[in-house]
PDB file of N, CA and C in Angstrom:
ATOM      1  N   MET A   1      23.050  -4.064  24.189  1.00  0.00           N
ATOM      2  CA  MET A   1      22.743  -2.731  23.426  1.00  0.00           C
ATOM      3  C   MET A   1      21.164  -2.739  24.047  1.00  0.00           C
ATOM      4  N   PRO A   2      19.959  -1.501  23.865  1.00  0.00           N
ATOM      5  CA  PRO A   2      18.699  -2.426  22.938  1.00  0.00           C
ATOM      6  C   PRO A   2      18.313  -3.291  21.774  1.00  0.00           C
ATOM      7  N   GLU A   3      17.323  -3.776  21.409  1.00  0.00           N
ATOM      8  CA  GLU A   3      17.180  -4.001  20.357  1.00  0.00           C
ATOM      9  C   GLU A   3      16.876  -2.795  19.300  1.00  0.00           C
ATOM     10  N   MET A   4      16.794  -1.574  19.520  1.00  0.00           N
ATOM     11  CA  MET A   4      16.132  -0.713  18.447  1.00  0.00           C
ATOM     12  C   MET A   4      17.072   0.103  18.226  1.00  0.00           C
ATOM     13  N   ASP A   5      18.815   0.065  19.126  1.00  0.00           N
ATOM     14  CA  ASP A   5      19.810   0.569  18.915  1.00  0.00           C
ATOM     15  C   ASP A   5      20.144  -0.730  18.077  1.00  0.00           C
ATOM     16  N   LEU A   6      20.056  -1.892  18.016  1.00  0.00           N
ATOM     17  CA  LEU A   6      20.673  -2.542  17.338  1.00  0.00           C
ATOM     18  C   LEU A   6      19.789  -2.552  15.653  1.00  0.00           C
ATOM     19  N   VAL A   7      18.655  -2.793  16.197  1.00  0.00           N
ATOM     20  CA  VAL A   7      18.383  -2.197  14.729  1.00  0.00           C
ATOM     21  C   VAL A   7      19.121  -0.912  13.671  1.00  0.00           C
ATOM     22  N   PHE A   8      18.546  -0.168  14.506  1.00  0.00           N
ATOM     23  CA  PHE A   8      19.224   1.535  14.035  1.00  0.00           C
ATOM     24  C   PHE A   8      20.415   0.725  13.684  1.00  0.00           C
ATOM     25  N   GLU A   9      21.659   0.425  14.387  1.00  0.00           N
ATOM     26  CA  GLU A   9      22.907   0.222  13.866  1.00  0.00           C
ATOM     27  C   GLU A   9      23.124  -0.355  12.539  1.00  0.00           C
ATOM     28  N   ALA A  10      22.199  -1.187  12.137  1.00  0.00           N
ATOM     29  CA  ALA A  10      22.461  -2.439  11.581  1.00  0.00           C
ATOM     30  C   ALA A  10      22.315  -1.419   9.586  1.00  0.00           C
ATOM     31  N   GLN A  11      21.051  -0.513  10.226  1.00  0.00           N
ATOM     32  CA  GLN A  11      20.504   0.639   9.040  1.00  0.00           C
ATOM     33  C   GLN A  11      22.004   1.503   8.665  1.00  0.00           C
ATOM     34  N   TRP A  12      22.357   1.922   9.595  1.00  0.00           N
ATOM     35  CA  TRP A  12      23.590   3.012  10.010  1.00  0.00           C
ATOM     36  C   TRP A  12      24.295   2.379   8.956  1.00  0.00           C
ATOM     37  N   ARG A  13      24.956   1.506   9.069  1.00  0.00           N
ATOM     38  CA  ARG A  13      25.897   0.122   9.179  1.00  0.00           C
ATOM     39  C   ARG A  13      25.944   0.200   7.238  1.00  0.00           C
ATOM     40  N   GLY A  14      25.304  -0.263   7.331  1.00  0.00           N
ATOM     41  CA  GLY A  14      24.261  -1.109   6.001  1.00  0.00           C
ATOM     42  C   GLY A  14      24.127   0.043   4.958  1.00  0.00           C
ATOM     43  N   LEU A  15      23.494   1.650   4.773  1.00  0.00           N
ATOM     44  CA  LEU A  15      23.685   2.565   4.731  1.00  0.00           C
ATOM     45  C   LEU A  15      25.503   3.129   3.951  1.00  0.00           C
ATOM     46  N   LEU A  16      25.984   2.983   4.969  1.00  0.00           N
ATOM     47  CA  LEU A  16      26.879   3.153   5.063  1.00  0.00           C
ATOM     48  C   LEU A  16      27.856   2.926   4.030  1.00  0.00           C
ATOM     49  N   LYS A  17      27.551   1.350   3.904  1.00  0.00           N
ATOM     50  CA  LYS A  17      28.622   0.307   2.977  1.00  0.00           C
ATOM     51  C   LYS A  17      27.702   0.356   2.104  1.00  0.00           C
ATOM     52  N   ARG A  18      25.780   0.645   1.068  1.00  0.00           N
ATOM     53  CA  ARG A  18      25.922   1.511   0.139  1.00  0.00           C
ATOM     54  C   ARG A  18      26.526   2.245   0.032  1.00  0.00           C
ATOM     55  N   LEU A  19      26.692   3.642   0.230  1.00  0.00           N
ATOM     56  CA  LEU A  19      27.238   4.967  -0.555  1.00  0.00           C
ATOM     57  C   LEU A  19      28.971   4.583  -0.195  1.00  0.00           C
ATOM     58  N   GLU A  20      29.366   3.120   0.331  1.00  0.00           N
ATOM     59  CA  GLU A  20      31.210   3.456   0.591  1.00  0.00           C
ATOM     60  C   GLU A  20      30.993   2.780  -1.126  1.00  0.00           C
ATOM     61  N   ASP A  21      30.345   1.085  -1.348  1.00  0.00           N
ATOM     62  CA  ASP A  21      30.467   0.599  -2.372  1.00  0.00           C
ATOM     63  C   ASP A  21      30.364   2.097  -4.328  1.00  0.00           C
ATOM     64  N   GLN A  22      29.103   2.818  -3.431  1.00  0.00           N
ATOM     65  CA  GLN A  22      28.012   3.427  -4.822  1.00  0.00           C
ATOM     66  C   GLN A  22      29.047   4.425  -5.220  1.00  0.00           C
ATOM     67  N   PHE A  23      30.354   4.735  -3.357  1.00  0.00           N
ATOM     68  CA  PHE A  23      31.141   6.012  -4.518  1.00  0.00           C
ATOM     69  C   PHE A  23      32.902   5.033  -4.334  1.00  0.00           C
ATOM     70  N   GLY A  24      32.888   4.558  -3.726  1.00  0.00           N
ATOM     71  CA  GLY A  24      34.460   3.583  -3.667  1.00  0.00           C
ATOM     72  C   GLY A  24      34.754   5.272  -3.078  1.00  0.00           C
ATOM     73  N   MET A  25      34.766   5.185  -2.095  1.00  0.00           N
ATOM     74  CA  MET A  25      35.865   5.751  -0.582  1.00  0.00           C
ATOM     75  C   MET A  25      34.758   5.236   0.384  1.00  0.00           C
ATOM     76  N   PRO A  26      35.797   5.475   1.671  1.00  0.00           N
ATOM     77  CA  PRO A  26      35.310   5.356   2.812  1.00  0.00           C
ATOM     78  C   PRO A  26      33.864   6.601   3.142  1.00  0.00           C
ATOM     79  N   MET A  27      32.962   6.436   3.715  1.00  0.00           N
ATOM     80  CA  MET A  27      32.195   7.388   4.116  1.00  0.00           C
ATOM     81  C   MET A  27      31.161   7.934   6.229  1.00  0.00           C
ATOM     82  N   ASP A  28      31.695   9.098   6.447  1.00  0.00           N
ATOM     83  CA  ASP A  28      31.953   9.125   7.577  1.00  0.00           C
ATOM     84  C   ASP A  28      30.301  10.734   7.214  1.00  0.00           C
ATOM     85  N   LEU A  29      29.972  10.884   8.684  1.00  0.00           N
ATOM     86  CA  LEU A  29      28.763  10.907   8.697  1.00  0.00           C
ATOM     87  C   LEU A  29      28.709  12.756   8.521  1.00  0.00           C
ATOM     88  N   ASP A  30      30.192  12.930   8.034  1.00  0.00           N
ATOM     89  CA  ASP A  30      29.940  14.440   6.895  1.00  0.00           C
ATOM     90  C   ASP A  30      30.552  14.043   5.401  1.00  0.00           C
ATOM     91  N   GLY A  31      31.033  13.467   5.462  1.00  0.00           N
ATOM     92  CA  GLY A  31      30.956  13.218   3.838  1.00  0.00           C
ATOM     93  C   GLY A  31      29.453  12.817   3.811  1.00  0.00           C
ATOM     94  N   ILE A  32      28.334  12.020   3.858  1.00  0.00           N
ATOM     95  CA  ILE A  32      26.913  11.883   3.821  1.00  0.00           C
ATOM     96  C   ILE A  32      26.345  13.875   4.642  1.00  0.00           C
ATOM     97  N   LEU A  33      26.588  14.845   4.428  1.00  0.00           N
ATOM     98  CA  LEU A  33      26.305  14.884   5.358  1.00  0.00           C
ATOM     99  C   LEU A  33      26.743  16.114   3.167  1.00  0.00           C
ATOM    100  N   PHE A  34      27.595  16.428   3.459  1.00  0.00           N
ATOM    101  CA  PHE A  34      28.124  17.518   1.929  1.00  0.00           C
ATOM    102  C   PHE A  34      27.581  16.177   0.796  1.00  0.00           C
ATOM    103  N   LEU A  35      27.303  14.674   0.634  1.00  0.00           N
ATOM    104  CA  LEU A  35      25.842  14.553  -0.373  1.00  0.00           C
ATOM    105  C   LEU A  35      25.316  14.827  -0.294  1.00  0.00           C
ATOM    106  N   ILE A  36      24.423  15.395   0.519  1.00  0.00           N
ATOM    107  CA  ILE A  36      22.648  15.592   0.807  1.00  0.00           C
ATOM    108  C   ILE A  36      23.021  17.365   0.067  1.00  0.00           C
ATOM    109  N   GLY A  37      23.725  17.643   0.709  1.00  0.00           N
ATOM    110  CA  GLY A  37      24.045  19.292   0.264  1.00  0.00           C
ATOM    111  C   GLY A  37      23.948  19.561  -1.211  1.00  0.00           C
ATOM    112  N   ILE A  38      24.705  18.178  -1.844  1.00  0.00           N
ATOM    113  CA  ILE A  38      24.762  18.374  -2.865  1.00  0.00           C
ATOM    114  C   ILE A  38      23.676  18.402  -4.063  1.00  0.00           C
ATOM    115  N   GLN A  39      22.639  16.897  -3.187  1.00  0.00           N
ATOM    116  CA  GLN A  39      21.514  16.402  -3.421  1.00  0.00           C
ATOM    117  C   GLN A  39      20.440  17.971  -3.289  1.00  0.00           C
ATOM    118  N   GLU A  40      20.719  18.741  -2.566  1.00  0.00           N
ATOM    119  CA  GLU A  40      19.475  19.246  -2.253  1.00  0.00           C
ATOM    120  C   GLU A  40      19.507  20.409  -3.093  1.00  0.00           C
ATOM    121  N   LEU A  41      20.648  20.878  -3.399  1.00  0.00           N
ATOM    122  CA  LEU A  41      21.209  21.892  -3.755  1.00  0.00           C
ATOM    123  C   LEU A  41      21.160  21.781  -5.757  1.00  0.00           C
ATOM    124  N   GLY A  42      20.098  20.349  -6.043  1.00  0.00           N
ATOM    125  CA  GLY A  42      20.070  20.601  -7.483  1.00  0.00           C
ATOM    126  C   GLY A  42      20.775  21.166  -8.515  1.00  0.00           C
ATOM    127  N   GLN A  43      22.581  20.941  -8.260  1.00  0.00           N
ATOM    128  CA  GLN A  43      22.995  21.238  -9.539  1.00  0.00           C
ATOM    129  C   GLN A  43      23.873  20.233  -9.470  1.00  0.00           C
ATOM    130  N   GLY A  44      24.021  19.193  -9.192  1.00  0.00           N
ATOM    131  CA  GLY A  44      24.933  17.704  -9.694  1.00  0.00           C
ATOM    132  C   GLY A  44      26.089  18.559  -9.280  1.00  0.00           C
ATOM    133  N   VAL A  45      26.811  16.996 -10.045  1.00  0.00           N
ATOM    134  CA  VAL A  45      28.344  16.921  -8.683  1.00  0.00           C
ATOM    135  C   VAL A  45      29.203  18.141  -9.629  1.00  0.00           C
ATOM    136  N   ARG A  46      30.283  19.205  -9.234  1.00  0.00           N
ATOM    137  CA  ARG A  46      30.713  20.673  -9.937  1.00  0.00           C
ATOM    138  C   ARG A  46      31.774  20.303  -8.641  1.00  0.00           C
ATOM    139  N   GLU A  47      32.860  21.231  -8.931  1.00  0.00           N
ATOM    140  CA  GLU A  47      34.256  22.231  -8.174  1.00  0.00           C
ATOM    141  C   GLU A  47      32.893  22.492  -7.012  1.00  0.00           C
ATOM    142  N   PHE A  48      33.298  22.705  -5.786  1.00  0.00           N
ATOM    143  CA  PHE A  48      32.546  23.827  -5.243  1.00  0.00           C
ATOM    144  C   PHE A  48      33.606  23.946  -4.104  1.00  0.00           C
ATOM    145  N   SER A  49      33.954  25.823  -4.328  1.00  0.00           N
ATOM    146  CA  SER A  49      34.597  26.220  -3.593  1.00  0.00           C
ATOM    147  C   SER A  49      34.712  25.544  -1.602  1.00  0.00           C
ATOM    148  N   LYS A  50      35.333  26.566  -1.160  1.00  0.00           N
ATOM    149  CA  LYS A  50      35.268  26.773   0.482  1.00  0.00           C
ATOM    150  C   LYS A  50      34.393  26.696   0.924  1.00  0.00           C
ATOM    151  N   ASN A  51      33.883  27.835   0.795  1.00  0.00           N
ATOM    152  CA  ASN A  51      33.130  28.773   1.965  1.00  0.00           C
ATOM    153  C   ASN A  51      31.628  27.404   0.896  1.00  0.00           C
ATOM    154  N   GLU A  52      31.359  27.355  -0.170  1.00  0.00           N
ATOM    155  CA  GLU A  52      30.412  26.681  -1.207  1.00  0.00           C
ATOM    156  C   GLU A  52      30.275  25.683  -0.801  1.00  0.00           C
ATOM    157  N   LYS A  53      31.340  24.780  -0.186  1.00  0.00           N
ATOM    158  CA  LYS A  53      32.038  23.497   0.164  1.00  0.00           C
ATOM    159  C   LYS A  53      30.648  23.275   2.078  1.00  0.00           C
ATOM    160  N   ILE A  54      30.982  24.340   3.400  1.00  0.00           N
ATOM    161  CA  ILE A  54      30.812  24.737   3.606  1.00  0.00           C
ATOM    162  C   ILE A  54      29.299  24.838   4.011  1.00  0.00           C
ATOM    163  N   ASP A  55      28.362  26.583   3.062  1.00  0.00           N
ATOM    164  CA  ASP A  55      27.299  26.752   3.255  1.00  0.00           C
ATOM    165  C   ASP A  55      26.404  24.861   2.744  1.00  0.00           C
ATOM    166  N   LEU A  56      26.684  24.359   1.742  1.00  0.00           N
ATOM    167  CA  LEU A  56      26.392  22.365   1.498  1.00  0.00           C
ATOM    168  C   LEU A  56      25.990  21.698   2.793  1.00  0.00           C
ATOM    169  N   MET A  57      26.872  21.783   3.934  1.00  0.00           N
ATOM    170  CA  MET A  57      26.879  20.877   4.789  1.00  0.00           C
ATOM    171  C   MET A  57      25.475  22.454   5.559  1.00  0.00           C
ATOM    172  N   HIS A  58      25.383  23.309   5.413  1.00  0.00           N
ATOM    173  CA  HIS A  58      24.580  23.771   6.162  1.00  0.00           C
ATOM    174  C   HIS A  58      22.801  23.738   5.902  1.00  0.00           C
ATOM    175  N   ILE A  59      23.268  23.602   4.118  1.00  0.00           N
ATOM    176  CA  ILE A  59      21.867  22.735   3.939  1.00  0.00           C
ATOM    177  C   ILE A  59      21.412  21.180   4.097  1.00  0.00           C
ATOM    178  N   ALA A  60      22.693  21.606   4.731  1.00  0.00           N
ATOM    179  CA  ALA A  60      22.223  19.020   4.549  1.00  0.00           C
ATOM    180  C   ALA A  60      22.053  19.164   5.726  1.00  0.00           C
ATOM    181  N   VAL A  61      22.306  20.156   7.366  1.00  0.00           N
ATOM    182  CA  VAL A  61      21.168  19.884   7.857  1.00  0.00           C
ATOM    183  C   VAL A  61      20.430  20.921   8.413  1.00  0.00           C
ATOM    184  N   SER A  62      19.745  21.792   7.270  1.00  0.00           N
ATOM    185  CA  SER A  62      18.725  22.690   7.699  1.00  0.00           C
ATOM    186  C   SER A  62      17.836  21.340   6.309  1.00  0.00           C
ATOM    187  N   ALA A  63      17.733  20.678   5.806  1.00  0.00           N
ATOM    188  CA  ALA A  63      16.785  19.673   5.499  1.00  0.00           C
ATOM    189  C   ALA A  63      17.653  18.983   5.971  1.00  0.00           C
ATOM    190  N   LEU A  64      17.624  18.024   6.740  1.00  0.00           N
ATOM    191  CA  LEU A  64      17.825  17.093   7.379  1.00  0.00           C
ATOM    192  C   LEU A  64      16.470  17.395   8.929  1.00  0.00           C
ATOM    193  N   LEU A  65      16.569  18.763   9.139  1.00  0.00           N
ATOM    194  CA  LEU A  65      15.970  18.681  10.304  1.00  0.00           C
ATOM    195  C   LEU A  65      14.627  18.932  10.288  1.00  0.00           C
ATOM    196  N   ALA A  66      13.991  19.831   8.627  1.00  0.00           N
ATOM    197  CA  ALA A  66      13.078  20.167   8.850  1.00  0.00           C
ATOM    198  C   ALA A  66      12.011  19.550   8.392  1.00  0.00           C
ATOM    199  N   PRO A  67      12.659  18.167   8.562  1.00  0.00           N
ATOM    200  CA  PRO A  67      10.967  17.224   9.385  1.00  0.00           C
ATOM    201  C   PRO A  67      10.754  16.960  10.460  1.00  0.00           C
ATOM    202  N   TYR A  68      11.213  17.277  11.203  1.00  0.00           N
ATOM    203  CA  TYR A  68      11.420  17.015  12.519  1.00  0.00           C
ATOM    204  C   TYR A  68      10.729  18.793  12.780  1.00  0.00           C
ATOM    205  N   GLY A  69       9.947  19.770  12.222  1.00  0.00           N
ATOM    206  CA  GLY A  69       9.595  20.748  12.340  1.00  0.00           C
ATOM    207  C   GLY A  69      10.360  21.871  12.963  1.00  0.00           C
ATOM    208  N   TYR A  70      12.374  21.651  13.355  1.00  0.00           N
ATOM    209  CA  TYR A  70      13.164  22.925  13.097  1.00  0.00           C
ATOM    210  C   TYR A  70      13.515  23.922  11.977  1.00  0.00           C
ATOM    211  N   TYR A  71      13.449  23.104  10.902  1.00  0.00           N
ATOM    212  CA  TYR A  71      13.988  24.177   9.736  1.00  0.00           C
ATOM    213  C   TYR A  71      12.404  23.604   8.642  1.00  0.00           C
ATOM    214  N   ARG A  72      12.793  25.178   7.941  1.00  0.00           N
ATOM    215  CA  ARG A  72      12.326  25.423   6.765  1.00  0.00           C
ATOM    216  C   ARG A  72      12.424  26.522   5.672  1.00  0.00           C
ATOM    217  N   GLU A  73      12.617  25.205   4.535  1.00  0.00           N
ATOM    218  CA  GLU A  73      13.087  25.662   3.214  1.00  0.00           C
ATOM    219  C   GLU A  73      12.204  27.122   2.899  1.00  0.00           C
ATOM    220  N   GLU A  74      13.057  28.575   2.682  1.00  0.00           N
ATOM    221  CA  GLU A  74      11.982  29.658   2.742  1.00  0.00           C
ATOM    222  C   GLU A  74      11.543  30.046   2.052  1.00  0.00           C
ATOM    223  N   ARG A  75      13.055  29.881   0.743  1.00  0.00           N
ATOM    224  CA  ARG A  75      13.540  29.870  -0.238  1.00  0.00           C
ATOM    225  C   ARG A  75      14.642  30.038  -1.185  1.00  0.00           C
ATOM    226  N   ARG A  76      14.573  30.259  -2.738  1.00  0.00           N
ATOM    227  CA  ARG A  76      15.801  30.073  -3.291  1.00  0.00           C
ATOM    228  C   ARG A  76      16.881  31.112  -3.679  1.00  0.00           C
ATOM    229  N   ASP A  77      17.419  31.253  -4.212  1.00  0.00           N
ATOM    230  CA  ASP A  77      18.620  32.555  -4.350  1.00  0.00           C
ATOM    231  C   ASP A  77      18.254  32.459  -5.612  1.00  0.00           C
ATOM    232  N   GLN A  78      18.774  33.855  -6.458  1.00  0.00           N
ATOM    233  CA  GLN A  78      18.809  34.056  -7.923  1.00  0.00           C
ATOM    234  C   GLN A  78      19.945  33.146  -8.795  1.00  0.00           C
ATOM    235  N   ASP A  79      20.615  32.003  -7.723  1.00  0.00           N
ATOM    236  CA  ASP A  79      22.089  31.417  -7.940  1.00  0.00           C
ATOM    237  C   ASP A  79      21.168  30.005  -8.028  1.00  0.00           C
ATOM    238  N   GLY A  80      19.732  29.955  -7.366  1.00  0.00           N
ATOM    239  CA  GLY A  80      19.441  28.759  -7.157  1.00  0.00           C
ATOM    240  C   GLY A  80      19.643  27.903  -5.923  1.00  0.00           C
ATOM    241  N   TRP A  81      20.135  28.076  -5.160  1.00  0.00           N
ATOM    242  CA  TRP A  81      20.499  28.113  -3.625  1.00  0.00           C
ATOM    243  C   TRP A  81      19.934  28.503  -2.202  1.00  0.00           C
ATOM    244  N   PRO A  82      18.856  26.564  -1.870  1.00  0.00           N
ATOM    245  CA  PRO A  82      18.453  27.097  -1.153  1.00  0.00           C
ATOM    246  C   PRO A  82      18.473  27.729  -0.250  1.00  0.00           C
ATOM    247  N   HIS A  83      17.841  28.617   0.890  1.00  0.00           N
ATOM    248  CA  HIS A  83      17.947  29.652   2.586  1.00  0.00           C
ATOM    249  C   HIS A  83      16.844  28.508   2.915  1.00  0.00           C
ATOM    250  N   PHE A  84      16.917  28.155   4.709  1.00  0.00           N
ATOM    251  CA  PHE A  84      16.834  28.211   5.582  1.00  0.00           C
ATOM    252  C   PHE A  84      16.323  29.030   6.927  1.00  0.00           C
ATOM    253  N   GLN A  85      14.912  28.850   7.027  1.00  0.00           N
ATOM    254  CA  GLN A  85      14.645  29.727   8.102  1.00  0.00           C
ATOM    255  C   GLN A  85      14.265  29.317   9.714  1.00  0.00           C
ATOM    256  N   ARG A  86      15.228  29.136  10.489  1.00  0.00           N
ATOM    257  CA  ARG A  86      15.086  28.110  12.008  1.00  0.00           C
ATOM    258  C   ARG A  86      13.098  28.597  12.428  1.00  0.00           C
ATOM    259  N   VAL A  87      12.727  27.243  12.668  1.00  0.00           N
ATOM    260  CA  VAL A  87      10.950  27.078  12.469  1.00  0.00           C
ATOM    261  C   VAL A  87      10.655  27.334  14.893  1.00  0.00           C
ATOM    262  N   LYS A  88      11.957  26.498  15.770  1.00  0.00           N
ATOM    263  CA  LYS A  88      12.160  26.587  16.855  1.00  0.00           C
ATOM    264  C   LYS A  88      13.322  25.766  17.127  1.00  0.00           C
ATOM    265  N   PRO A  89      13.501  26.666  17.940  1.00  0.00           N
ATOM    266  CA  PRO A  89      15.185  25.703  17.830  1.00  0.00           C
ATOM    267  C   PRO A  89      15.354  24.369  18.891  1.00  0.00           C
ATOM    268  N   LEU A  90      17.173  23.733  18.527  1.00  0.00           N
ATOM    269  CA  LEU A  90      16.824  22.420  18.812  1.00  0.00           C
ATOM    270  C   LEU A  90      17.069  22.610  20.700  1.00  0.00           C
ATOM    271  N   PRO A  91      16.670  21.219  21.217  1.00  0.00           N
ATOM    272  CA  PRO A  91      16.422  21.025  22.215  1.00  0.00           C
ATOM    273  C   PRO A  91      18.195  20.685  22.909  1.00  0.00           C
ATOM    274  N   GLU A  92      18.459  21.042  24.059  1.00  0.00           N
ATOM    275  CA  GLU A  92      20.355  20.499  24.198  1.00  0.00           C
ATOM    276  C   GLU A  92      20.208  19.177  24.176  1.00  0.00           C
ATOM    277  N   MET A  93      21.504  19.665  24.177  1.00  0.00           N
ATOM    278  CA  MET A  93      21.960  17.619  23.672  1.00  0.00           C
ATOM    279  C   MET A  93      23.699  18.099  23.636  1.00  0.00           C
ATOM    280  N   SER A  94      24.139  16.563  23.955  1.00  0.00           N
ATOM    281  CA  SER A  94      25.214  16.951  23.711  1.00  0.00           C
ATOM    282  C   SER A  94      25.691  16.084  23.037  1.00  0.00           C
ATOM    283  N   VAL A  95      27.424  16.376  22.623  1.00  0.00           N
ATOM    284  CA  VAL A  95      27.548  15.689  21.218  1.00  0.00           C
ATOM    285  C   VAL A  95      27.380  14.343  20.447  1.00  0.00           C
ATOM    286  N   LYS A  96      27.138  13.682  20.949  1.00  0.00           N
ATOM    287  CA  LYS A  96      27.299  12.804  21.119  1.00  0.00           C
ATOM    288  C   LYS A  96      25.745  12.750  20.232  1.00  0.00           C
ATOM    289  N   GLU A  97      24.902  12.737  21.635  1.00  0.00           N
ATOM    290  CA  GLU A  97      23.392  12.655  20.943  1.00  0.00           C
ATOM    291  C   GLU A  97      22.769  14.272  20.021  1.00  0.00           C
ATOM    292  N   GLN A  98      23.879  15.016  19.561  1.00  0.00           N
ATOM    293  CA  GLN A  98      23.582  15.109  18.299  1.00  0.00           C
ATOM    294  C   GLN A  98      24.513  14.316  17.448  1.00  0.00           C
ATOM    295  N   GLU A  99      25.283  13.703  17.761  1.00  0.00           N
ATOM    296  CA  GLU A  99      25.414  12.902  16.340  1.00  0.00           C
ATOM    297  C   GLU A  99      24.252  12.114  15.663  1.00  0.00           C
ATOM    298  N   GLN A 100      23.956  11.297  17.060  1.00  0.00           N
ATOM    299  CA  GLN A 100      23.382  10.368  17.103  1.00  0.00           C
ATOM    300  C   GLN A 100      21.597  10.781  16.084  1.00  0.00           C
ATOM    301  N   PHE A 101      21.335  12.982  16.677  1.00  0.00           N
ATOM    302  CA  PHE A 101      20.285  12.495  16.316  1.00  0.00           C
ATOM    303  C   PHE A 101      20.536  12.684  14.476  1.00  0.00           C
ATOM    304  N   MET A 102      21.678  13.606  13.931  1.00  0.00           N
ATOM    305  CA  MET A 102      21.840  13.139  12.265  1.00  0.00           C
ATOM    306  C   MET A 102      22.385  12.128  11.734  1.00  0.00           C
ATOM    307  N   ARG A 103      23.030  10.988  12.777  1.00  0.00           N
ATOM    308  CA  ARG A 103      22.886   9.529  11.431  1.00  0.00           C
ATOM    309  C   ARG A 103      21.216   9.429  11.564  1.00  0.00           C
ATOM    310  N   GLU A 104      20.506   9.401  12.995  1.00  0.00           N
ATOM    311  CA  GLU A 104      18.881   8.993  12.188  1.00  0.00           C
ATOM    312  C   GLU A 104      18.155  10.450  11.474  1.00  0.00           C
ATOM    313  N   ALA A 105      18.997  11.072  11.766  1.00  0.00           N
ATOM    314  CA  ALA A 105      17.817  11.860   9.806  1.00  0.00           C
ATOM    315  C   ALA A 105      18.127  11.640   9.351  1.00  0.00           C
ATOM    316  N   VAL A 106      19.414  11.203   8.561  1.00  0.00           N
ATOM    317  CA  VAL A 106      19.777  11.214   8.346  1.00  0.00           C
ATOM    318  C   VAL A 106      19.542   9.136   7.260  1.00  0.00           C
ATOM    319  N   VAL A 107      19.613   9.106   8.006  1.00  0.00           N
ATOM    320  CA  VAL A 107      18.899   7.042   7.976  1.00  0.00           C
ATOM    321  C   VAL A 107      17.466   7.310   7.287  1.00  0.00           C
ATOM    322  N   ARG A 108      16.756   8.564   7.919  1.00  0.00           N
ATOM    323  CA  ARG A 108      15.535   8.693   7.607  1.00  0.00           C
ATOM    324  C   ARG A 108      15.466   9.440   6.303  1.00  0.00           C
ATOM    325  N   TYR A 109      16.262  10.442   6.034  1.00  0.00           N
ATOM    326  CA  TYR A 109      16.032  11.076   4.963  1.00  0.00           C
ATOM    327  C   TYR A 109      16.737   9.825   4.316  1.00  0.00           C
ATOM    328  N   PHE A 110      17.605   9.350   4.003  1.00  0.00           N
ATOM    329  CA  PHE A 110      17.884   8.729   1.896  1.00  0.00           C
ATOM    330  C   PHE A 110      16.446   7.055   2.631  1.00  0.00           C
ATOM    331  N   GLY A 111      16.091   6.974   3.722  1.00  0.00           N
ATOM    332  CA  GLY A 111      14.433   6.151   3.182  1.00  0.00           C
ATOM    333  C   GLY A 111      14.388   6.695   3.043  1.00  0.00           C
ATOM    334  N   GLU A 112      13.204   8.245   2.144  1.00  0.00           N
ATOM    335  CA  GLU A 112      12.251   9.218   1.596  1.00  0.00           C
ATOM    336  C   GLU A 112      12.496   9.142   0.231  1.00  0.00           C
ATOM    337  N   HIS A 113      14.248   9.205   0.367  1.00  0.00           N
ATOM    338  CA  HIS A 113      14.524  10.329  -0.859  1.00  0.00           C
ATOM    339  C   HIS A 113      15.187   9.551  -2.243  1.00  0.00           C
ATOM    340  N   LEU A 114      15.671   8.453  -0.795  1.00  0.00           N
ATOM    341  CA  LEU A 114      16.377   7.811  -2.028  1.00  0.00           C
ATOM    342  C   LEU A 114      16.427   6.214  -1.797  1.00  0.00           C
ATOM    343  N   PRO A 115      15.039   5.659  -1.732  1.00  0.00           N
ATOM    344  CA  PRO A 115      15.610   4.372  -0.925  1.00  0.00           C
ATOM    345  C   PRO A 115      16.752   3.087  -1.624  1.00  0.00           C
ATOM    346  N   GLU A 116      16.026   3.224  -3.108  1.00  0.00           N
ATOM    347  CA  GLU A 116      17.443   2.392  -3.269  1.00  0.00           C
ATOM    348  C   GLU A 116      18.245   2.227  -2.716  1.00  0.00           C
ATOM    349  N   VAL A 117      19.267   3.680  -2.064  1.00  0.00           N
ATOM    350  CA  VAL A 117      19.907   3.285  -1.473  1.00  0.00           C
ATOM    351  C   VAL A 117      20.347   2.638   0.373  1.00  0.00           C
ATOM    352  N   SER A 118      19.096   3.400   0.646  1.00  0.00           N
ATOM    353  CA  SER A 118      18.613   3.135   1.796  1.00  0.00           C
ATOM    354  C   SER A 118      18.618   1.994   2.583  1.00  0.00           C
ATOM    355  N   SER A 119      17.906   0.697   1.546  1.00  0.00           N
ATOM    356  CA  SER A 119      17.268  -0.392   1.594  1.00  0.00           C
ATOM    357  C   SER A 119      18.124  -1.755   1.535  1.00  0.00           C
ATOM    358  N   PRO A 120      18.262  -2.252   2.655  1.00  0.00           N
ATOM    359  CA  PRO A 120      19.559  -3.285   2.101  1.00  0.00           C
ATOM    360  C   PRO A 120      18.509  -4.570   0.458  1.00  0.00           C
ATOM    361  N   ARG A 121      19.658  -4.838  -0.476  1.00  0.00           N
ATOM    362  CA  ARG A 121      20.523  -5.123  -1.123  1.00  0.00           C
ATOM    363  C   ARG A 121      19.410  -6.701  -0.507  1.00  0.00           C
ATOM    364  N   ARG A 122      19.176  -7.388  -1.629  1.00  0.00           N
ATOM    365  CA  ARG A 122      18.353  -8.636  -2.403  1.00  0.00           C
ATOM    366  C   ARG A 122      19.089 -10.090  -2.026  1.00  0.00           C
TER     367      ARG A 122
END
């Protein structure tokens, strides 16, 4: 495995561990996307309907891809939910490549928005 991949894997596993410790449950990419969606919505933790949970996942993906120029937040509706516009199409990627891209975007997100979660403990 190339050195960069090893560094990234260490960052990813460290982030998973920190989130698992913080929330007291195993985490995976979908769980992290849900957390990012809640964070981006900015309304705190509450009960969400099934459709709202799906919307939270879309918010997370859009927010994660915005720094790469694929989406931009267009507006917030009357209930405070963000709406994104696709700026450019995503490149063709295999499922494995998509997952890796999202994992990299998640590590970047936590590094920029919540560095205390993404940085290793000292």
